[in-house]
């Protein structure tokens, strides 16, 4: 633990950010580095709470009290060793994870939680800055070959763990760069992409071969994978977007979020993108109140949108945490850094139609009243509440429905669950022997911490399948 009386002596200190007016001028990360003395104080707030519920809150089972204590004592190299024991990529999670660990912090019962996420980010940044993160070359190679399809955080974690076990791993990615949603979903102002490139260099040295721009199922068929590899891991994400089939959906100017966000990331990377979808000078409406909608908001404001409205179908959550919700993730009103930068937010809005002549010019909506029907929430339109809102660009951030199943998944003959995800057993093996699944493709749209956890666990399943046993570290039981 940290200092025994630290939680009584020190208050939670927020991460300082660049002012809104300044950060809207660029695409870089805008959180300022936290001084070491502040981090030590925050680490000192970690309690000797007996049962560290932060473990339950973190899907990765990060050993949070240990590295909080080590930061308090200035033992940074030991802290990164403890952090890396459960998390392959803390520089990713320390930037884009919503920090369920902090919601589960015992201090959060009646105080402000420990700044776990910021401490995590600074531990790994210290480690890279001091040259402590180096390739972990396996002492021997097994000669077994594994194909990992999809290079998001689940695929990257799985590939790295398998390479460290001595297998020859090929990581396939259909985009031109590795990273999945980390690369082409998360805006650069939340996570700069050189962080991915740096990990790629480490993984390449550990024995991972990267094949970008390869559409598995099209350029490389499923039977070729079965022939050329001893095992296959499908970590292809849940990339099928939820649509909104209402009148006017066919109008120009209405796009899925993942048609909009990747283009700006490509521009920031130095690519020339013809016919880029831009919010510049436009009245933008974002449908969907989650993280993807927030990313569309921050991107639209940086592109110079005239105005941005963000609508959510569900009612506005309470601002304060409901009683008895700890240590679970509470449904409360959350304000992201992008919301701080300017938006009109509204809840309980149902989109009835899009209006326009070839191109969208307005959204027709209606306000909703959510009522209980036998214990289930049911939405009812409020009579006379219909409205039209002028708009030039509509971005659909309504979530995802599962993996695209009409390519390599169908070629391999893998069964799906009722929700359209890949069916897999406790060893992460699908209904086809030797074919494994992990990440969003298996569990559905989820958090980066779940993706990394799934990748690590799938690697254990693959290793045991190939070798009869596995010595890869097991993640804590949740």
Protein backbone atom coordinates (compact mmCIF):
# COMPACT_ATOMS: atom_id res chain seq x y z
CA UNK A 1 0.00 0.00 0.00
CA UNK A 2 0.96 3.66 -0.12
CA UNK A 3 1.30 5.87 2.95
CA UNK A 4 -0.89 4.54 5.77
CA UNK A 5 -2.56 7.90 6.34
CA UNK A 6 -2.21 9.14 2.77
CA UNK A 7 -5.91 8.97 1.91
CA UNK A 8 -6.59 11.21 4.92
CA UNK A 9 -3.86 13.73 4.13
CA UNK A 10 -4.07 14.18 0.36
CA UNK A 11 -6.91 15.08 -1.99
CA UNK A 12 -7.36 13.72 -5.50
CA UNK A 13 -5.54 15.96 -7.99
CA UNK A 14 -6.86 16.12 -11.53
CA UNK A 15 -4.74 15.84 -14.65
CA UNK A 16 -4.11 19.29 -16.13
CA UNK A 17 -5.16 19.79 -19.74
CA UNK A 18 -4.29 22.30 -22.39
CA UNK A 19 -6.99 25.02 -22.61
CA UNK A 20 -9.82 24.22 -25.01
CA UNK A 21 -9.06 27.12 -27.35
CA UNK A 22 -5.49 25.90 -27.79
CA UNK A 23 -6.06 22.18 -28.11
CA UNK A 24 -8.71 22.65 -30.79
CA UNK A 25 -5.95 23.98 -33.05
CA UNK A 26 -4.10 20.67 -33.31
CA UNK A 27 -4.50 16.87 -33.24
CA UNK A 28 -1.93 16.00 -30.54
CA UNK A 29 -2.63 14.69 -27.06
CA UNK A 30 -3.35 17.62 -24.75
CA UNK A 31 -3.00 16.24 -21.22
CA UNK A 32 0.00 17.76 -19.47
CA UNK A 33 2.59 15.53 -17.81
CA UNK A 34 1.97 15.12 -14.09
CA UNK A 35 5.05 15.92 -11.92
CA UNK A 36 6.52 12.97 -10.03
CA UNK A 37 5.85 14.51 -6.64
CA UNK A 38 2.15 14.77 -7.49
CA UNK A 39 2.10 11.14 -8.64
CA UNK A 40 3.76 10.06 -5.40
CA UNK A 41 1.08 11.84 -3.39
CA UNK A 42 -1.62 10.20 -5.45
CA UNK A 43 0.00 6.79 -5.00
CA UNK A 44 0.10 7.49 -1.27
CA UNK A 45 -3.71 7.78 -1.25
CA UNK A 46 -4.04 4.04 -2.02
CA UNK A 47 -5.50 2.41 1.10
CA UNK A 48 -4.69 -0.81 2.88
CA UNK A 49 -8.28 -1.79 2.10
CA UNK A 50 -7.99 -5.53 2.78
CA UNK A 51 -9.86 -6.56 -0.37
CA UNK A 52 -8.69 -4.39 -3.31
CA UNK A 53 -11.90 -4.06 -5.30
CA UNK A 54 -9.96 -2.27 -8.03
CA UNK A 55 -8.92 -5.78 -9.11
CA UNK A 56 -12.56 -6.62 -9.75
CA UNK A 57 -13.13 -3.33 -11.52
CA UNK A 58 -10.21 -3.92 -13.90
CA UNK A 59 -10.88 -6.68 -16.47
CA UNK A 60 -7.13 -7.23 -16.74
CA UNK A 61 -6.81 -7.83 -13.00
CA UNK A 62 -4.03 -5.27 -12.77
CA UNK A 63 -2.23 -5.46 -9.41
CA UNK A 64 -3.02 -1.84 -8.74
CA UNK A 65 -2.21 -1.45 -5.02
CA UNK A 66 1.27 -2.85 -5.61
CA UNK A 67 2.26 -0.36 -8.27
CA UNK A 68 0.57 2.52 -6.47
CA UNK A 69 2.82 1.75 -3.49
CA UNK A 70 5.90 1.43 -5.68
CA UNK A 71 5.22 4.83 -7.28
CA UNK A 72 4.79 6.37 -3.82
CA UNK A 73 8.20 4.98 -2.91
CA UNK A 74 9.80 6.10 -6.19
CA UNK A 75 10.53 2.52 -7.33
CA UNK A 76 9.47 3.05 -10.93
CA UNK A 77 11.30 0.10 -12.47
CA UNK A 78 9.61 -2.34 -10.13
CA UNK A 79 6.30 -0.62 -10.82
CA UNK A 80 6.49 -1.25 -14.57
CA UNK A 81 7.45 -4.89 -13.99
CA UNK A 82 4.33 -5.32 -11.86
CA UNK A 83 2.17 -3.48 -14.41
CA UNK A 84 3.50 -5.44 -17.38
CA UNK A 85 2.78 -8.72 -15.57
CA UNK A 86 -0.92 -8.30 -16.41
CA UNK A 87 -1.04 -5.66 -19.16
CA UNK A 88 0.88 -5.76 -22.44
CA UNK A 89 0.09 -2.18 -23.42
CA UNK A 90 -0.46 0.15 -20.45
CA UNK A 91 0.28 3.17 -22.65
CA UNK A 92 -2.95 2.34 -24.51
CA UNK A 93 -5.13 1.64 -21.48
CA UNK A 94 -3.66 4.58 -19.55
CA UNK A 95 -4.94 6.88 -22.27
CA UNK A 96 -8.24 5.49 -23.55
CA UNK A 97 -9.64 3.15 -20.89
CA UNK A 98 -12.63 4.65 -19.02
CA UNK A 99 -11.04 3.42 -15.75
CA UNK A 100 -13.61 1.06 -14.21
CA UNK A 101 -10.89 0.40 -11.62
CA UNK A 102 -11.41 3.89 -10.22
CA UNK A 103 -15.16 3.34 -9.91
CA UNK A 104 -14.39 0.22 -7.85
CA UNK A 105 -11.79 1.94 -5.64
CA UNK A 106 -12.72 1.62 -1.95
CA UNK A 107 -12.07 5.34 -1.50
CA UNK A 108 -14.87 5.95 -3.98
CA UNK A 109 -17.46 4.86 -1.43
CA UNK A 110 -17.38 8.23 0.30
CA UNK A 111 -14.44 10.11 -1.22
CA UNK A 112 -12.67 10.65 -4.54
CA UNK A 113 -10.88 7.54 -5.89
CA UNK A 114 -7.16 7.17 -6.45
CA UNK A 115 -6.00 8.51 -9.85
CA UNK A 116 -5.20 4.97 -10.98
CA UNK A 117 -5.39 5.65 -14.72
CA UNK A 118 -2.98 8.59 -14.60
CA UNK A 119 -0.52 6.69 -12.42
CA UNK A 120 -0.64 3.78 -14.88
CA UNK A 121 0.08 6.04 -17.85
CA UNK A 122 3.00 7.69 -16.11
CA UNK A 123 4.54 4.37 -15.07
CA UNK A 124 4.79 3.19 -18.67
CA UNK A 125 5.90 6.61 -19.92
CA UNK A 126 8.68 6.53 -17.31
CA UNK A 127 9.64 3.04 -18.45
CA UNK A 128 9.89 3.95 -22.13
CA UNK A 129 11.77 7.15 -21.28
CA UNK A 130 14.36 5.21 -19.29
CA UNK A 131 14.81 2.41 -21.83
CA UNK A 132 13.30 -0.27 -19.60
CA UNK A 133 10.89 -1.61 -22.24
CA UNK A 134 12.85 -4.01 -24.43
CA UNK A 135 11.98 -7.04 -26.56
CA UNK A 136 11.41 -10.26 -24.60
CA UNK A 137 13.03 -12.82 -26.87
CA UNK A 138 11.99 -16.42 -26.11
CA UNK A 139 14.88 -18.74 -25.25
CA UNK A 140 13.75 -21.25 -27.87
CA UNK A 141 11.38 -21.51 -30.83
CA UNK A 142 8.74 -24.22 -30.99
CA UNK A 143 8.47 -24.33 -34.77
CA UNK A 144 4.69 -23.97 -34.48
CA UNK A 145 3.01 -21.34 -36.64
CA UNK A 146 0.02 -19.20 -35.72
CA UNK A 147 -2.03 -16.79 -37.84
CA UNK A 148 -3.69 -13.94 -35.94
CA UNK A 149 -6.36 -12.18 -38.01
CA UNK A 150 -6.94 -8.61 -36.91
CA UNK A 151 -4.41 -6.28 -35.29
CA UNK A 152 -6.48 -4.41 -32.72
CA UNK A 153 -5.49 -4.60 -29.05
CA UNK A 154 -6.79 -8.19 -28.73
CA UNK A 155 -4.82 -9.38 -31.75
CA UNK A 156 -1.70 -7.49 -30.73
CA UNK A 157 -1.79 -8.88 -27.18
CA UNK A 158 -2.42 -12.42 -28.41
CA UNK A 159 0.36 -12.21 -30.99
CA UNK A 160 2.85 -10.85 -28.48
CA UNK A 161 2.11 -13.52 -25.89
CA UNK A 162 2.37 -16.32 -28.47
CA UNK A 163 5.65 -14.96 -29.80
CA UNK A 164 7.03 -14.87 -26.27
CA UNK A 165 5.99 -18.51 -25.91
CA UNK A 166 8.27 -19.28 -28.87
CA UNK A 167 5.74 -19.67 -31.67
CA UNK A 168 6.11 -18.12 -35.12
CA UNK A 169 3.27 -15.60 -35.34
CA UNK A 170 1.94 -13.79 -38.41
CA UNK A 171 -0.42 -10.90 -37.67
CA UNK A 172 -2.75 -10.08 -40.58
CA UNK A 173 -4.38 -6.66 -40.95
CA UNK A 174 -6.61 -5.55 -43.81
CA UNK A 175 -5.82 -1.85 -43.31
CA UNK A 176 -2.55 -0.31 -44.39
CA UNK A 177 -1.36 0.10 -40.80
CA UNK A 178 -1.54 -2.03 -37.66
CA UNK A 179 -3.78 -1.15 -34.72
CA UNK A 180 -7.43 -1.74 -35.60
CA UNK A 181 -9.65 0.77 -33.81
CA UNK A 182 -6.61 2.07 -31.93
CA UNK A 183 -5.26 3.23 -35.28
CA UNK A 184 -8.36 4.22 -37.23
CA UNK A 185 -11.07 4.67 -34.61
CA UNK A 186 -9.45 6.49 -31.70
CA UNK A 187 -8.53 10.09 -32.69
CA UNK A 188 -4.93 11.17 -32.32
CA UNK A 189 -5.84 13.75 -29.69
CA UNK A 190 -6.76 10.84 -27.40
CA UNK A 191 -3.86 8.57 -28.36
CA UNK A 192 -1.05 9.41 -30.77
CA UNK A 193 -0.22 6.62 -33.19
CA UNK A 194 3.54 6.51 -32.70
CA UNK A 195 2.69 4.64 -29.52
CA UNK A 196 1.45 1.74 -31.66
CA UNK A 197 4.46 1.91 -33.97
CA UNK A 198 6.82 1.69 -31.00
CA UNK A 199 5.12 -1.49 -29.78
CA UNK A 200 5.25 -2.93 -33.31
CA UNK A 201 9.03 -2.58 -33.28
CA UNK A 202 9.20 -4.46 -30.00
CA UNK A 203 6.88 -7.21 -31.28
CA UNK A 204 8.80 -7.58 -34.54
CA UNK A 205 11.99 -8.12 -32.54
CA UNK A 206 10.16 -10.77 -30.50
CA UNK A 207 9.24 -12.69 -33.64
CA UNK A 208 5.91 -11.33 -34.87
CA UNK A 209 5.58 -10.90 -38.64
CA UNK A 210 3.17 -8.16 -39.74
CA UNK A 211 1.22 -8.42 -42.99
CA UNK A 212 -0.74 -5.24 -43.61
CA UNK A 213 -3.16 -4.60 -46.45
CA UNK A 214 -4.21 -8.27 -46.56
CA UNK A 215 -7.94 -9.03 -46.53
CA UNK A 216 -8.18 -12.46 -45.00
CA UNK A 217 -11.07 -14.23 -46.66
CA UNK A 218 -10.46 -12.36 -49.92
CA UNK A 219 -6.72 -12.08 -50.58
CA UNK A 220 -5.97 -15.10 -48.40
CA UNK A 221 -8.70 -17.73 -48.13
CA UNK A 222 -9.60 -19.71 -45.05
CA UNK A 223 -8.35 -23.01 -46.48
CA UNK A 224 -4.95 -21.42 -47.14
CA UNK A 225 -4.71 -20.40 -43.49
CA UNK A 226 -5.59 -23.95 -42.40
CA UNK A 227 -2.91 -25.32 -44.71
CA UNK A 228 -0.12 -22.89 -43.80
CA UNK A 229 -0.61 -22.48 -40.04
CA UNK A 230 -0.91 -24.81 -37.07
CA UNK A 231 -3.49 -22.57 -35.38
CA UNK A 232 -5.60 -19.54 -36.28
CA UNK A 233 -6.85 -16.75 -34.02
CA UNK A 234 -9.75 -14.59 -35.19
CA UNK A 235 -9.44 -11.19 -33.52
CA UNK A 236 -11.14 -9.29 -36.31
CA UNK A 237 -13.31 -7.10 -34.11
CA UNK A 238 -17.01 -6.29 -34.12
CA UNK A 239 -17.01 -4.00 -37.12
CA UNK A 240 -20.58 -4.36 -38.38
CA UNK A 241 -22.21 -0.99 -37.58
CA UNK A 242 -25.76 -0.59 -36.31
CA UNK A 243 -27.78 1.31 -38.92
CA UNK A 244 -30.82 3.56 -38.58
CA UNK A 245 -33.43 2.50 -41.16
CA UNK A 246 -35.66 5.57 -41.25
CA UNK A 247 -36.99 7.59 -44.21
CA UNK A 248 -34.25 9.67 -45.79
CA UNK A 249 -31.39 7.42 -44.67
CA UNK A 250 -30.19 7.27 -48.30
CA UNK A 251 -29.52 11.03 -48.45
CA UNK A 252 -25.97 12.22 -48.94
CA UNK A 253 -24.27 13.57 -45.84
CA UNK A 254 -25.30 10.70 -43.53
CA UNK A 255 -22.39 8.48 -42.56
CA UNK A 256 -21.40 5.83 -40.06
CA UNK A 257 -18.87 7.05 -37.51
CA UNK A 258 -16.31 4.61 -38.86
CA UNK A 259 -16.65 6.12 -42.31
CA UNK A 260 -15.78 9.51 -40.81
CA UNK A 261 -13.14 8.95 -38.11
CA UNK A 262 -10.51 6.88 -40.00
CA UNK A 263 -10.15 9.49 -42.74
CA UNK A 264 -8.97 12.17 -40.33
CA UNK A 265 -6.53 9.73 -38.73
CA UNK A 266 -5.10 9.04 -42.18
CA UNK A 267 -4.69 12.78 -42.81
CA UNK A 268 -2.91 13.23 -39.48
CA UNK A 269 -0.62 10.33 -40.47
CA UNK A 270 0.36 12.29 -43.61
CA UNK A 271 -1.84 10.56 -46.17
CA UNK A 272 -3.69 12.35 -48.94
CA UNK A 273 -7.38 11.54 -48.64
CA UNK A 274 -9.51 12.54 -51.63
CA UNK A 275 -13.15 13.37 -50.93
CA UNK A 276 -12.61 13.35 -47.18
CA UNK A 277 -15.81 13.60 -45.13
CA UNK A 278 -15.42 16.91 -43.30
CA UNK A 279 -17.42 18.79 -40.70
CA UNK A 280 -15.84 22.10 -41.68
CA UNK A 281 -18.44 24.85 -41.78
CA UNK A 282 -21.28 22.37 -41.26
CA UNK A 283 -24.09 21.90 -38.78
CA UNK A 284 -23.38 18.43 -37.43
CA UNK A 285 -25.69 15.99 -35.64
CA UNK A 286 -24.18 12.97 -33.88
CA UNK A 287 -26.55 10.13 -33.02
CA UNK A 288 -25.22 8.09 -30.12
CA UNK A 289 -23.95 9.21 -26.75
CA UNK A 290 -21.06 6.77 -26.20
CA UNK A 291 -17.31 7.00 -26.69
CA UNK A 292 -17.53 6.78 -30.48
CA UNK A 293 -19.96 9.69 -30.54
CA UNK A 294 -17.58 11.64 -28.32
CA UNK A 295 -14.73 10.94 -30.75
CA UNK A 296 -16.87 12.22 -33.63
CA UNK A 297 -17.54 15.35 -31.57
CA UNK A 298 -13.89 16.13 -30.85
CA UNK A 299 -13.03 15.53 -34.50
CA UNK A 300 -15.88 17.72 -35.76
CA UNK A 301 -14.88 20.61 -33.53
CA UNK A 302 -11.27 20.40 -34.65
CA UNK A 303 -12.37 20.40 -38.27
CA UNK A 304 -14.31 23.62 -37.66
CA UNK A 305 -17.95 22.60 -37.46
CA UNK A 306 -20.42 25.49 -37.19
CA UNK A 307 -22.41 23.64 -34.52
CA UNK A 308 -22.64 20.13 -33.11
CA UNK A 309 -25.66 18.44 -31.53
CA UNK A 310 -25.35 15.02 -29.92
CA UNK A 311 -28.56 13.04 -29.39
CA UNK A 312 -29.08 9.95 -27.25
CA UNK A 313 -32.11 7.67 -27.38
CA UNK A 314 -32.00 6.85 -23.67
CA UNK A 315 -32.86 9.28 -20.86
CA UNK A 316 -30.21 11.47 -19.27
CA UNK A 317 -28.37 9.55 -16.51
CA UNK A 318 -28.14 11.02 -13.00
CA UNK A 319 -25.17 13.23 -12.21
CA UNK A 320 -24.52 11.54 -8.86
CA UNK A 321 -23.69 7.90 -8.31
CA UNK A 322 -26.73 5.88 -7.21
CA UNK A 323 -26.55 4.46 -3.69
CA UNK A 324 -25.43 0.84 -3.43
CA UNK A 325 -23.90 0.89 -6.93
CA UNK A 326 -20.30 0.56 -5.69
CA UNK A 327 -18.12 -1.26 -6.73
CA UNK A 328 -19.96 -1.76 -10.02
CA UNK A 329 -19.77 0.57 -13.00
CA UNK A 330 -22.52 3.14 -12.41
CA UNK A 331 -24.77 4.66 -15.04
CA UNK A 332 -24.10 8.34 -14.43
CA UNK A 333 -23.73 11.40 -16.60
CA UNK A 334 -20.17 11.47 -17.95
CA UNK A 335 -18.56 14.48 -19.56
CA UNK A 336 -15.63 13.65 -21.83
CA UNK A 337 -12.87 16.04 -22.83
CA UNK A 338 -14.62 16.43 -26.18
CA UNK A 339 -17.84 17.48 -24.46
CA UNK A 340 -15.83 20.17 -22.69
CA UNK A 341 -14.91 21.57 -26.10
CA UNK A 342 -18.46 22.50 -27.12
CA UNK A 343 -21.64 20.60 -27.94
CA UNK A 344 -25.39 20.67 -27.42
CA UNK A 345 -26.33 17.36 -25.76
CA UNK A 346 -29.87 16.06 -25.57
CA UNK A 347 -31.44 12.83 -24.36
CA UNK A 348 -34.62 10.82 -24.95
CA UNK A 349 -34.62 11.77 -28.64
CA UNK A 350 -35.85 9.38 -31.32
CA UNK A 351 -34.96 10.12 -34.93
CA UNK A 352 -38.03 9.76 -37.14
CA UNK A 353 -36.63 10.77 -40.53
CA UNK A 354 -34.00 12.71 -42.42
CA UNK A 355 -35.17 15.50 -44.71
CA UNK A 356 -33.55 16.80 -47.87
CA UNK A 357 -33.41 16.81 -51.63
CA UNK A 358 -30.52 14.51 -52.52
CA UNK A 359 -28.55 15.78 -49.55
CA UNK A 360 -29.58 15.89 -45.91
CA UNK A 361 -30.76 19.30 -44.74
CA UNK A 362 -32.61 18.46 -41.51
CA UNK A 363 -33.29 15.78 -38.93
CA UNK A 364 -36.84 15.14 -37.78
CA UNK A 365 -37.00 13.95 -34.20
CA UNK A 366 -39.45 13.42 -31.40
CA UNK A 367 -39.02 13.55 -27.65
CA UNK A 368 -39.59 10.40 -25.63
CA UNK A 369 -41.02 9.54 -22.26
CA UNK A 370 -39.52 6.38 -20.80
CA UNK A 371 -42.00 4.44 -18.66
CA UNK A 372 -41.92 1.10 -16.87
CA UNK A 373 -43.99 -1.77 -18.23
CA UNK A 374 -43.79 -4.86 -16.02
CA UNK A 375 -40.35 -3.77 -14.87
CA UNK A 376 -39.05 -3.07 -18.38
CA UNK A 377 -38.34 0.41 -19.72
CA UNK A 378 -40.55 1.27 -22.69
CA UNK A 379 -40.28 4.43 -24.77
CA UNK A 380 -43.37 6.44 -25.66
CA UNK A 381 -43.41 9.43 -27.96
CA UNK A 382 -44.54 12.67 -26.35
CA UNK A 383 -47.45 14.05 -28.33
CA UNK A 384 -46.70 17.35 -30.04
CA UNK A 385 -42.95 17.15 -29.38
CA UNK A 386 -41.80 16.57 -32.97
CA UNK A 387 -39.15 18.97 -34.23
CA UNK A 388 -36.90 19.55 -37.24
CA UNK A 389 -33.24 20.45 -36.74
CA UNK A 390 -31.21 21.86 -39.62
CA UNK A 391 -28.06 19.86 -40.33
CA UNK A 392 -25.54 19.29 -43.12
CA UNK A 393 -23.76 16.23 -41.71
CA UNK A 394 -25.15 13.34 -39.66
CA UNK A 395 -22.82 10.84 -38.00
CA UNK A 396 -24.23 7.51 -36.80
CA UNK A 397 -22.41 6.32 -33.67
CA UNK A 398 -24.96 3.71 -32.66
CA UNK A 399 -22.64 0.86 -31.76
CA UNK A 400 -21.70 -2.38 -33.51
CA UNK A 401 -23.51 -5.66 -34.10
CA UNK A 402 -20.64 -8.14 -34.23
CA UNK A 403 -17.98 -9.35 -36.66
CA UNK A 404 -18.42 -9.40 -40.41
CA UNK A 405 -19.23 -13.08 -40.85
CA UNK A 406 -19.42 -13.45 -44.61
CA UNK A 407 -15.68 -13.81 -45.24
CA UNK A 408 -13.10 -15.96 -43.42
CA UNK A 409 -15.51 -16.82 -40.59
CA UNK A 410 -17.92 -18.54 -42.98
CA UNK A 411 -15.05 -20.03 -44.99
CA UNK A 412 -13.70 -21.71 -41.86
CA UNK A 413 -17.19 -22.83 -40.81
CA UNK A 414 -17.17 -21.21 -37.37
CA UNK A 415 -20.50 -21.07 -35.57
CA UNK A 416 -21.91 -17.82 -34.20
CA UNK A 417 -23.83 -17.07 -31.02
CA UNK A 418 -27.40 -15.77 -31.03
CA UNK A 419 -25.95 -12.25 -30.87
CA UNK A 420 -23.83 -12.82 -33.97
CA UNK A 421 -20.46 -13.15 -32.23
CA UNK A 422 -18.04 -16.03 -32.66
CA UNK A 423 -18.91 -18.97 -30.43
CA UNK A 424 -15.94 -20.18 -28.41
CA UNK A 425 -15.32 -22.34 -25.37
CA UNK A 426 -13.43 -21.51 -22.15
CA UNK A 427 -10.15 -22.15 -23.96
CA UNK A 428 -11.24 -19.57 -26.61
CA UNK A 429 -11.38 -22.30 -29.27
CA UNK A 430 -14.27 -21.94 -31.70
CA UNK A 431 -16.44 -24.79 -32.95
CA UNK A 432 -13.67 -25.51 -35.48
CA UNK A 433 -10.64 -27.29 -33.94
CA UNK A 434 -7.50 -25.20 -34.10
CA UNK A 435 -9.38 -21.97 -34.74
CA UNK A 436 -9.64 -19.55 -31.81
CA UNK A 437 -11.43 -16.25 -31.25
CA UNK A 438 -10.91 -13.31 -28.91
CA UNK A 439 -11.73 -9.66 -28.38
CA UNK A 440 -14.81 -7.96 -29.76
CA UNK A 441 -15.26 -10.72 -32.34
CA UNK A 442 -15.97 -13.14 -29.47
CA UNK A 443 -17.53 -10.99 -26.74
CA UNK A 444 -19.04 -8.16 -28.77
CA UNK A 445 -18.22 -4.46 -28.66
CA UNK A 446 -16.32 -3.77 -25.46
CA UNK A 447 -13.42 -1.93 -23.79
CA UNK A 448 -9.73 -1.94 -24.64
CA UNK A 449 -8.95 -3.62 -21.30
CA UNK A 450 -11.28 -6.50 -22.15
CA UNK A 451 -9.64 -6.81 -25.57
CA UNK A 452 -6.14 -7.13 -24.10
CA UNK A 453 -7.39 -9.61 -21.47
CA UNK A 454 -9.08 -11.71 -24.14
CA UNK A 455 -5.96 -11.68 -26.31
CA UNK A 456 -3.82 -12.88 -23.43
CA UNK A 457 -6.29 -15.62 -22.48
CA UNK A 458 -6.68 -16.78 -26.08
CA UNK A 459 -2.90 -17.04 -26.35
CA UNK A 460 -2.95 -19.43 -23.39
CA UNK A 461 -5.57 -21.53 -25.16
CA UNK A 462 -3.57 -21.64 -28.37
CA UNK A 463 -0.32 -22.46 -26.55
CA UNK A 464 -1.97 -25.33 -24.68
CA UNK A 465 -3.52 -26.63 -27.91
CA UNK A 466 -0.15 -26.62 -29.69
CA UNK A 467 2.06 -27.84 -26.85
CA UNK A 468 -0.25 -29.84 -24.58
CA UNK A 469 0.31 -27.34 -21.75
CA UNK A 470 0.99 -23.65 -21.33
CA UNK A 471 3.35 -21.66 -19.16
CA UNK A 472 2.00 -18.29 -20.24
CA UNK A 473 0.80 -16.29 -17.23
CA UNK A 474 -2.86 -16.66 -16.39
CA UNK A 475 -4.97 -13.57 -15.85
CA UNK A 476 -6.67 -13.32 -12.45
CA UNK A 477 -10.12 -14.85 -12.23
CA UNK A 478 -12.87 -12.24 -12.37
